[in-house]
N, C-alpha and C. Protein backbone atom coordinates (compact mmCIF):
# COMPACT_ATOMS: atom_id res chain seq x y z
N MET A 1 40.13 141.20 186.43
CA MET A 1 40.36 141.97 185.24
C MET A 1 41.13 141.12 184.24
N ALA A 2 40.53 140.90 183.11
CA ALA A 2 41.17 140.11 182.07
C ALA A 2 41.89 141.03 181.09
N ILE A 3 43.03 140.58 180.66
CA ILE A 3 43.82 141.32 179.68
C ILE A 3 43.68 140.62 178.34
N ASP A 4 43.19 141.35 177.35
CA ASP A 4 43.07 140.77 176.02
C ASP A 4 44.15 141.34 175.11
N SER A 5 44.15 140.91 173.87
CA SER A 5 45.21 141.32 172.95
C SER A 5 45.14 142.81 172.64
N GLN A 6 43.95 143.42 172.73
CA GLN A 6 43.83 144.86 172.50
C GLN A 6 44.54 145.65 173.59
N VAL A 7 44.41 145.20 174.82
CA VAL A 7 45.10 145.88 175.93
C VAL A 7 46.61 145.73 175.77
N VAL A 8 47.05 144.54 175.39
CA VAL A 8 48.48 144.32 175.16
C VAL A 8 48.97 145.22 174.04
N ALA A 9 48.20 145.36 172.97
CA ALA A 9 48.59 146.22 171.85
C ALA A 9 48.69 147.67 172.29
N ARG A 10 47.74 148.11 173.10
CA ARG A 10 47.76 149.50 173.57
C ARG A 10 48.96 149.77 174.48
N VAL A 11 49.22 148.87 175.42
CA VAL A 11 50.37 149.04 176.32
C VAL A 11 51.67 148.97 175.53
N ALA A 12 51.73 148.08 174.56
CA ALA A 12 52.93 147.98 173.72
C ALA A 12 53.14 149.28 172.96
N HIS A 13 52.06 149.87 172.46
CA HIS A 13 52.17 151.15 171.75
C HIS A 13 52.68 152.24 172.68
N LEU A 14 52.11 152.31 173.90
CA LEU A 14 52.54 153.32 174.87
C LEU A 14 53.99 153.14 175.28
N ALA A 15 54.44 151.88 175.34
CA ALA A 15 55.82 151.59 175.73
C ALA A 15 56.76 151.59 174.54
N ARG A 16 56.22 151.89 173.37
CA ARG A 16 57.02 151.93 172.13
C ARG A 16 57.69 150.58 171.86
N LEU A 17 56.89 149.50 172.05
CA LEU A 17 57.36 148.15 171.78
C LEU A 17 56.64 147.61 170.56
N GLN A 18 57.33 146.84 169.77
CA GLN A 18 56.71 146.21 168.61
C GLN A 18 56.35 144.77 168.98
N VAL A 19 55.04 144.50 169.04
CA VAL A 19 54.53 143.17 169.38
C VAL A 19 53.57 142.76 168.27
N ASP A 20 53.87 141.67 167.57
CA ASP A 20 52.98 141.24 166.49
C ASP A 20 51.78 140.47 167.04
N GLU A 21 50.84 140.16 166.19
CA GLU A 21 49.56 139.58 166.60
C GLU A 21 49.72 138.25 167.35
N GLY A 22 50.58 137.37 166.86
CA GLY A 22 50.78 136.09 167.53
C GLY A 22 51.37 136.25 168.93
N GLU A 23 52.27 137.18 169.07
CA GLU A 23 52.87 137.43 170.39
C GLU A 23 51.86 138.06 171.34
N ARG A 24 50.92 138.89 170.79
CA ARG A 24 49.93 139.54 171.64
C ARG A 24 49.04 138.51 172.34
N GLU A 25 48.59 137.51 171.60
CA GLU A 25 47.74 136.47 172.18
C GLU A 25 48.48 135.71 173.28
N ALA A 26 49.71 135.29 172.97
CA ALA A 26 50.50 134.54 173.96
C ALA A 26 50.80 135.40 175.17
N LEU A 27 51.10 136.68 174.94
CA LEU A 27 51.42 137.59 176.04
C LEU A 27 50.19 137.86 176.90
N SER A 28 49.03 138.02 176.28
CA SER A 28 47.82 138.26 177.06
C SER A 28 47.47 137.03 177.91
N GLU A 29 47.67 135.83 177.37
CA GLU A 29 47.42 134.62 178.15
C GLU A 29 48.36 134.53 179.35
N ARG A 30 49.62 134.82 179.10
CA ARG A 30 50.61 134.76 180.19
C ARG A 30 50.32 135.80 181.27
N LEU A 31 49.97 137.01 180.84
CA LEU A 31 49.64 138.05 181.82
C LEU A 31 48.40 137.69 182.63
N ASN A 32 47.41 137.06 181.99
CA ASN A 32 46.23 136.62 182.73
C ASN A 32 46.57 135.52 183.73
N GLU A 33 47.50 134.65 183.38
CA GLU A 33 47.96 133.63 184.34
C GLU A 33 48.63 134.29 185.54
N ILE A 34 49.45 135.30 185.29
CA ILE A 34 50.13 136.01 186.38
C ILE A 34 49.11 136.71 187.27
N LEU A 35 48.11 137.36 186.67
CA LEU A 35 47.07 138.01 187.46
C LEU A 35 46.27 137.00 188.27
N GLY A 36 46.08 135.80 187.72
CA GLY A 36 45.40 134.75 188.48
C GLY A 36 46.21 134.34 189.70
N MET A 37 47.51 134.24 189.54
CA MET A 37 48.36 133.91 190.69
C MET A 37 48.32 135.01 191.74
N VAL A 38 48.29 136.26 191.30
CA VAL A 38 48.21 137.39 192.24
C VAL A 38 46.88 137.33 193.00
N ASP A 39 45.80 136.99 192.31
CA ASP A 39 44.51 136.85 192.99
C ASP A 39 44.56 135.76 194.05
N GLN A 40 45.23 134.65 193.75
CA GLN A 40 45.37 133.58 194.74
C GLN A 40 46.16 134.08 195.95
N LEU A 41 47.20 134.85 195.72
CA LEU A 41 47.99 135.37 196.83
C LEU A 41 47.19 136.35 197.68
N GLN A 42 46.32 137.13 197.05
CA GLN A 42 45.52 138.11 197.80
C GLN A 42 44.46 137.44 198.66
N GLN A 43 44.09 136.20 198.35
CA GLN A 43 43.10 135.49 199.14
C GLN A 43 43.69 134.86 200.40
N ALA A 44 45.00 134.87 200.52
CA ALA A 44 45.65 134.27 201.69
C ALA A 44 45.35 135.12 202.93
N ASP A 45 45.10 134.45 204.05
CA ASP A 45 44.83 135.13 205.31
C ASP A 45 46.16 135.49 205.97
N VAL A 46 46.47 136.76 205.99
CA VAL A 46 47.73 137.22 206.57
C VAL A 46 47.46 138.16 207.76
N GLY A 47 46.29 138.06 208.34
CA GLY A 47 45.92 138.93 209.45
C GLY A 47 46.81 138.75 210.67
N GLN A 48 47.29 137.55 210.89
CA GLN A 48 48.09 137.27 212.08
C GLN A 48 49.59 137.37 211.81
N VAL A 49 49.96 137.74 210.61
CA VAL A 49 51.38 137.81 210.25
C VAL A 49 51.88 139.23 210.45
N GLU A 50 52.97 139.36 211.19
CA GLU A 50 53.55 140.68 211.42
C GLU A 50 54.38 141.10 210.22
N PRO A 51 54.33 142.39 209.86
CA PRO A 51 55.13 142.86 208.73
C PRO A 51 56.63 142.71 209.00
N LEU A 52 57.37 142.43 207.94
CA LEU A 52 58.81 142.26 208.05
C LEU A 52 59.52 143.31 207.21
N ALA A 53 60.67 143.73 207.67
CA ALA A 53 61.52 144.60 206.85
C ALA A 53 62.37 143.73 205.92
N HIS A 54 62.63 142.50 206.35
CA HIS A 54 63.45 141.58 205.57
C HIS A 54 62.99 140.17 205.93
N PRO A 55 62.94 139.25 204.96
CA PRO A 55 62.45 137.91 205.27
C PRO A 55 63.35 137.12 206.20
N LEU A 56 64.59 137.49 206.31
CA LEU A 56 65.51 136.80 207.20
C LEU A 56 65.88 137.72 208.36
N GLU A 57 66.09 137.13 209.52
CA GLU A 57 66.50 137.93 210.66
C GLU A 57 68.01 138.14 210.60
N LEU A 58 68.38 139.27 210.06
CA LEU A 58 69.79 139.61 209.92
C LEU A 58 70.09 140.82 210.78
N SER A 59 71.30 140.88 211.27
CA SER A 59 71.72 142.07 211.99
C SER A 59 72.96 142.62 211.30
N GLN A 60 73.06 143.91 211.30
CA GLN A 60 74.20 144.58 210.68
C GLN A 60 75.25 144.81 211.76
N PRO A 61 76.36 144.07 211.68
CA PRO A 61 77.40 144.30 212.69
C PRO A 61 78.04 145.67 212.46
N LEU A 62 78.12 146.43 213.51
CA LEU A 62 78.70 147.76 213.42
C LEU A 62 80.11 147.74 214.01
N ARG A 63 80.98 148.45 213.37
CA ARG A 63 82.34 148.53 213.88
C ARG A 63 82.41 149.68 214.87
N ASP A 64 83.44 149.66 215.70
CA ASP A 64 83.66 150.76 216.63
C ASP A 64 84.01 152.02 215.84
N ASP A 65 83.50 153.14 216.31
CA ASP A 65 83.75 154.41 215.65
C ASP A 65 85.05 154.99 216.21
N ARG A 66 86.13 154.66 215.55
CA ARG A 66 87.43 155.14 216.02
C ARG A 66 88.29 155.50 214.81
N VAL A 67 89.24 156.36 215.02
CA VAL A 67 90.14 156.79 213.97
C VAL A 67 91.24 155.75 213.83
N ASP A 68 91.40 155.22 212.61
CA ASP A 68 92.43 154.21 212.36
C ASP A 68 93.66 154.80 211.69
N GLU A 69 93.50 155.93 211.02
CA GLU A 69 94.61 156.52 210.31
C GLU A 69 95.03 157.83 210.98
N PRO A 70 96.32 158.11 210.98
CA PRO A 70 96.77 159.36 211.62
C PRO A 70 96.38 160.58 210.78
N ASP A 71 96.27 161.72 211.45
CA ASP A 71 95.97 162.97 210.77
C ASP A 71 97.25 163.50 210.14
N VAL A 72 97.28 163.55 208.81
CA VAL A 72 98.48 163.99 208.09
C VAL A 72 98.27 165.34 207.41
N ARG A 73 97.20 166.03 207.79
CA ARG A 73 96.91 167.31 207.14
C ARG A 73 98.04 168.31 207.33
N ASP A 74 98.60 168.38 208.49
CA ASP A 74 99.68 169.35 208.74
C ASP A 74 100.91 169.05 207.89
N LYS A 75 101.11 167.80 207.50
CA LYS A 75 102.26 167.44 206.68
C LYS A 75 102.02 167.71 205.19
N VAL A 76 100.80 167.51 204.73
CA VAL A 76 100.54 167.63 203.29
C VAL A 76 100.00 169.00 202.89
N LEU A 77 99.45 169.76 203.82
CA LEU A 77 98.92 171.07 203.49
C LEU A 77 99.98 172.02 202.93
N PRO A 78 101.20 172.02 203.48
CA PRO A 78 102.22 172.93 202.91
C PRO A 78 102.60 172.58 201.47
N ILE A 79 102.44 171.34 201.05
CA ILE A 79 102.83 170.99 199.68
C ILE A 79 101.65 170.99 198.71
N ALA A 80 100.45 171.38 199.19
CA ALA A 80 99.28 171.45 198.33
C ALA A 80 99.42 172.63 197.36
N PRO A 81 98.88 172.52 196.16
CA PRO A 81 98.96 173.63 195.20
C PRO A 81 98.29 174.91 195.72
N ALA A 82 97.18 174.76 196.46
CA ALA A 82 96.49 175.93 197.01
C ALA A 82 95.80 175.55 198.31
N SER A 83 95.90 176.43 199.30
CA SER A 83 95.24 176.19 200.58
C SER A 83 94.89 177.53 201.20
N GLU A 84 93.91 177.46 202.11
CA GLU A 84 93.47 178.68 202.79
C GLU A 84 92.84 178.31 204.12
N ASP A 85 93.27 178.91 205.18
CA ASP A 85 92.73 178.68 206.53
C ASP A 85 92.72 177.21 206.92
N GLY A 86 93.77 176.47 206.57
CA GLY A 86 93.88 175.07 206.94
C GLY A 86 93.07 174.13 206.08
N CYS A 87 92.55 174.62 204.95
CA CYS A 87 91.75 173.78 204.04
C CYS A 87 92.40 173.75 202.67
N PHE A 88 92.20 172.67 201.95
CA PHE A 88 92.68 172.55 200.58
C PHE A 88 91.74 173.32 199.65
N LEU A 89 92.28 174.06 198.72
CA LEU A 89 91.48 174.74 197.71
C LEU A 89 91.57 173.92 196.43
N VAL A 90 90.41 173.66 195.85
CA VAL A 90 90.36 172.87 194.60
C VAL A 90 89.67 173.71 193.54
N PRO A 91 89.95 173.42 192.27
CA PRO A 91 89.29 174.18 191.20
C PRO A 91 87.78 173.95 191.21
N ARG A 92 87.04 174.99 190.83
CA ARG A 92 85.59 174.89 190.75
C ARG A 92 85.22 173.94 189.61
N VAL A 93 84.33 173.00 189.88
CA VAL A 93 83.92 172.03 188.88
C VAL A 93 82.60 172.45 188.24
N ILE A 94 81.67 172.94 189.06
CA ILE A 94 80.35 173.34 188.57
C ILE A 94 80.30 174.86 188.57
N GLU A 95 79.92 175.42 187.45
CA GLU A 95 79.87 176.88 187.35
C GLU A 95 78.45 177.37 187.49
């Protein structure tokens, strides 16, 4: 599929971009070069290649699931502006 200056003008109009005539020709040539490179990539034989989630073999180190900070709710709940049934009451943000 070749992209000519008319296609570039139409896409520019749809995208609300201002592209003058000289830029349209240069842009259409560049887009055709990119499409040519994509065609070359599609011709590559990748039948024996397994899909990857990431190009590098990385592992995510996980930390131990443990509590590092003490529970201070019993100390701060009495000084909270509002509380109910052991929970902090906060003003409604979304009405």
